[in-house]
Amino acid sequence: MLRRKRIALVSLLSVLMGALFITAVGAETVMIVGHETVDGTPVEPPLPAVEGLTSGLFAAGHVVFEAGKVGVSARMEDLEEIAREGKVDWLLQINVVYKQTKLQQNVTRVVCSATFSLVNAESGSTSLSDKASATNEGREKSTDRAALGAELGRLISTKVAKALAS
């Protein structure tokens, strides 16, 4: 019984220390609004690029969460208001389009392109607006659409993390 309490206490302290560390290094809170389509058809969650983006920003020490399906149909003004009310620092919108070309049985080339913008939730000003793209050309057998999307998300996360740091 004492051992379980000690393990629980150590776990709790670890979580608290992690939270203190994140706060001490000035972590920003980011709400992600993502939309992804494959050849014009919406992708159902989990969204690969958003997952890559989320993991990349989290690894950089930021507090990140997704707006979910609500964010896709909401107006930008409404999203900014939700972010402000939730004490979120930044709103990150990302739109990813995948185009697939079947080359042969079980071999599909994927090209994905993304537009994204980072908006200050308090002021409504855009801090970063950019594009990124990726393809699995030459590695069609080893990299499917989901893996390519996550790769693209991680690439975008480095750009966003730099903007958050400045």
Protein backbone atom coordinates (compact mmCIF):
# COMPACT_ATOMS: atom_id res chain seq x y z
CA MET A 1 0.00 0.00 0.00
CA LEU A 2 2.79 2.43 0.92
CA ARG A 3 4.61 1.54 -2.31
CA ARG A 4 1.51 2.44 -4.38
CA LYS A 5 1.19 5.78 -2.60
CA ARG A 6 4.87 6.51 -3.21
CA ILE A 7 4.53 5.67 -6.92
CA ALA A 8 1.42 7.87 -7.16
CA LEU A 9 3.21 10.73 -5.39
CA VAL A 10 6.27 10.44 -7.63
CA SER A 11 4.01 10.40 -10.70
CA LEU A 12 2.14 13.48 -9.51
CA LEU A 13 5.38 15.31 -8.75
CA SER A 14 6.71 14.42 -12.20
CA VAL A 15 3.61 15.88 -13.84
CA LEU A 16 3.82 19.03 -11.71
CA MET A 17 7.53 19.47 -12.46
CA GLY A 18 6.79 19.08 -16.16
CA ALA A 19 4.05 21.70 -15.96
CA LEU A 20 6.34 24.07 -14.05
CA PHE A 21 9.09 23.55 -16.63
CA ILE A 22 6.74 24.28 -19.51
CA THR A 23 5.48 27.42 -17.76
CA ALA A 24 9.02 28.54 -16.91
CA VAL A 25 10.23 28.32 -20.51
CA GLY A 26 7.31 30.42 -21.69
CA ALA A 27 5.22 27.83 -23.43
CA GLU A 28 2.55 29.20 -25.70
CA THR A 29 -0.92 27.69 -25.94
CA VAL A 30 -2.02 26.91 -29.48
CA MET A 31 -5.45 25.87 -30.69
CA ILE A 32 -5.26 24.10 -34.06
CA VAL A 33 -8.09 24.23 -36.56
CA GLY A 34 -7.35 21.67 -39.26
CA HIS A 35 -9.03 20.59 -42.46
CA GLU A 36 -7.67 17.93 -44.81
CA THR A 37 -9.04 16.58 -48.09
CA VAL A 38 -8.00 13.70 -50.35
CA ASP A 39 -8.91 14.32 -53.98
CA GLY A 40 -11.68 16.64 -52.79
CA THR A 41 -13.11 14.35 -50.09
CA PRO A 42 -12.75 15.46 -46.45
CA VAL A 43 -10.46 13.30 -44.30
CA GLU A 44 -11.99 11.98 -41.10
CA PRO A 45 -10.02 12.42 -37.85
CA PRO A 46 -7.37 11.78 -36.89
CA LEU A 47 -5.91 14.16 -39.46
CA PRO A 48 -2.35 13.07 -40.32
CA ALA A 49 -0.84 16.53 -40.90
CA VAL A 50 -2.52 17.93 -37.80
CA GLU A 51 -1.19 14.98 -35.78
CA GLY A 52 2.35 15.68 -37.03
CA LEU A 53 1.94 19.39 -36.35
CA THR A 54 0.62 18.75 -32.86
CA SER A 55 3.42 16.36 -31.93
CA GLY A 56 6.08 18.71 -33.31
CA LEU A 57 4.79 21.72 -31.37
CA PHE A 58 4.33 19.66 -28.22
CA ALA A 59 7.92 18.42 -28.52
CA ALA A 60 9.00 22.07 -28.80
CA GLY A 61 7.38 22.69 -25.40
CA HIS A 62 4.07 24.25 -26.39
CA VAL A 63 0.62 23.40 -25.08
CA VAL A 64 -1.37 22.30 -28.12
CA PHE A 65 -4.91 21.10 -28.70
CA GLU A 66 -7.24 20.68 -31.64
CA ALA A 67 -10.53 22.50 -32.13
CA GLY A 68 -11.98 19.37 -33.72
CA LYS A 69 -14.86 19.35 -36.19
CA VAL A 70 -16.32 22.53 -34.69
CA GLY A 71 -13.40 24.53 -36.03
CA VAL A 72 -13.89 23.45 -39.63
CA SER A 73 -17.26 25.13 -40.06
CA ALA A 74 -16.81 28.05 -37.65
CA ARG A 75 -16.11 31.61 -38.72
CA MET A 76 -12.64 32.99 -37.93
CA GLU A 77 -14.13 35.63 -35.60
CA ASP A 78 -15.92 32.91 -33.61
CA LEU A 79 -12.74 30.85 -33.35
CA GLU A 80 -10.79 33.87 -32.11
CA GLU A 81 -13.46 34.53 -29.49
CA ILE A 82 -13.39 30.89 -28.33
CA ALA A 83 -9.59 31.08 -28.12
CA ARG A 84 -9.66 34.33 -26.11
CA GLU A 85 -12.30 32.99 -23.71
CA GLY A 86 -10.21 29.86 -23.22
CA LYS A 87 -7.07 31.95 -22.55
CA VAL A 88 -5.38 30.50 -25.64
CA ASP A 89 -2.44 32.52 -26.97
CA TRP A 90 -2.55 31.46 -30.62
CA LEU A 91 -4.95 30.10 -33.20
CA LEU A 92 -3.35 28.01 -35.95
CA GLN A 93 -5.38 27.24 -39.06
CA ILE A 94 -4.15 24.61 -41.48
CA ASN A 95 -5.69 23.36 -44.70
CA VAL A 96 -4.10 20.34 -46.39
CA VAL A 97 -4.95 19.01 -49.85
CA TYR A 98 -3.76 15.55 -50.91
CA LYS A 99 -3.71 14.50 -54.56
CA GLN A 100 -3.19 10.78 -55.22
CA THR A 101 -2.14 9.08 -58.44
CA LYS A 102 -2.23 5.29 -58.63
CA LEU A 103 0.94 4.20 -60.46
CA GLN A 104 0.36 0.46 -60.23
CA GLN A 105 -1.17 -2.11 -57.87
CA ASN A 106 -0.42 -0.99 -54.27
CA VAL A 107 1.76 1.91 -55.46
CA THR A 108 0.28 5.40 -55.13
CA ARG A 109 2.06 8.70 -55.54
CA VAL A 110 0.86 11.34 -53.13
CA VAL A 111 1.44 15.07 -53.35
CA CYS A 112 0.22 17.19 -50.47
CA SER A 113 0.15 20.93 -50.09
CA ALA A 114 -0.80 23.01 -47.11
CA THR A 115 -1.63 26.59 -46.33
CA PHE A 116 -1.46 27.69 -42.74
CA SER A 117 -1.71 30.82 -40.64
CA LEU A 118 -0.84 31.64 -37.06
CA VAL A 119 -3.11 34.26 -35.50
CA ASN A 120 -2.68 36.00 -32.16
CA ALA A 121 -5.90 35.18 -30.32
CA GLU A 122 -5.90 38.40 -28.32
CA SER A 123 -5.22 40.92 -31.09
CA GLY A 124 -6.45 38.96 -34.12
CA SER A 125 -3.27 39.82 -35.99
CA THR A 126 -1.62 37.25 -38.24
CA SER A 127 1.93 36.46 -37.17
CA LEU A 128 2.68 33.87 -39.86
CA SER A 129 1.00 32.93 -43.11
CA ASP A 130 2.78 30.38 -45.27
CA LYS A 131 2.58 27.33 -47.52
CA ALA A 132 4.35 23.97 -47.49
CA SER A 133 4.26 20.85 -49.61
CA ALA A 134 5.60 17.31 -49.70
CA THR A 135 5.53 14.27 -51.94
CA ASN A 136 6.33 10.61 -51.61
CA GLU A 137 7.86 10.49 -55.10
CA GLY A 138 10.57 7.84 -55.15
CA ARG A 139 9.31 6.30 -51.92
CA GLU A 140 5.74 5.43 -52.86
CA LYS A 141 6.04 1.88 -51.49
CA SER A 142 7.35 2.96 -48.09
CA THR A 143 5.44 6.20 -47.45
CA ASP A 144 1.65 6.26 -47.60
CA ARG A 145 -0.61 9.31 -47.42
CA ALA A 146 -0.91 9.27 -43.63
CA ALA A 147 2.87 9.07 -43.11
CA LEU A 148 3.43 11.84 -45.65
CA GLY A 149 0.81 14.03 -43.96
CA ALA A 150 2.45 13.56 -40.56
CA GLU A 151 5.81 14.40 -42.14
CA LEU A 152 4.34 17.59 -43.59
CA GLY A 153 2.84 18.49 -40.21
CA ARG A 154 6.20 18.11 -38.48
CA LEU A 155 7.82 20.31 -41.15
CA ILE A 156 5.20 23.00 -40.56
CA SER A 157 5.66 22.70 -36.79
CA THR A 158 9.29 23.85 -37.13
CA LYS A 159 8.17 26.99 -38.97
CA VAL A 160 5.45 27.69 -36.42
CA ALA A 161 7.77 27.05 -33.46
CA LYS A 162 10.25 29.59 -34.88
CA ALA A 163 7.46 32.15 -35.22
CA LEU A 164 6.34 31.49 -31.65
CA ALA A 165 9.90 31.93 -30.39
CA SER A 166 10.32 35.35 -32.00
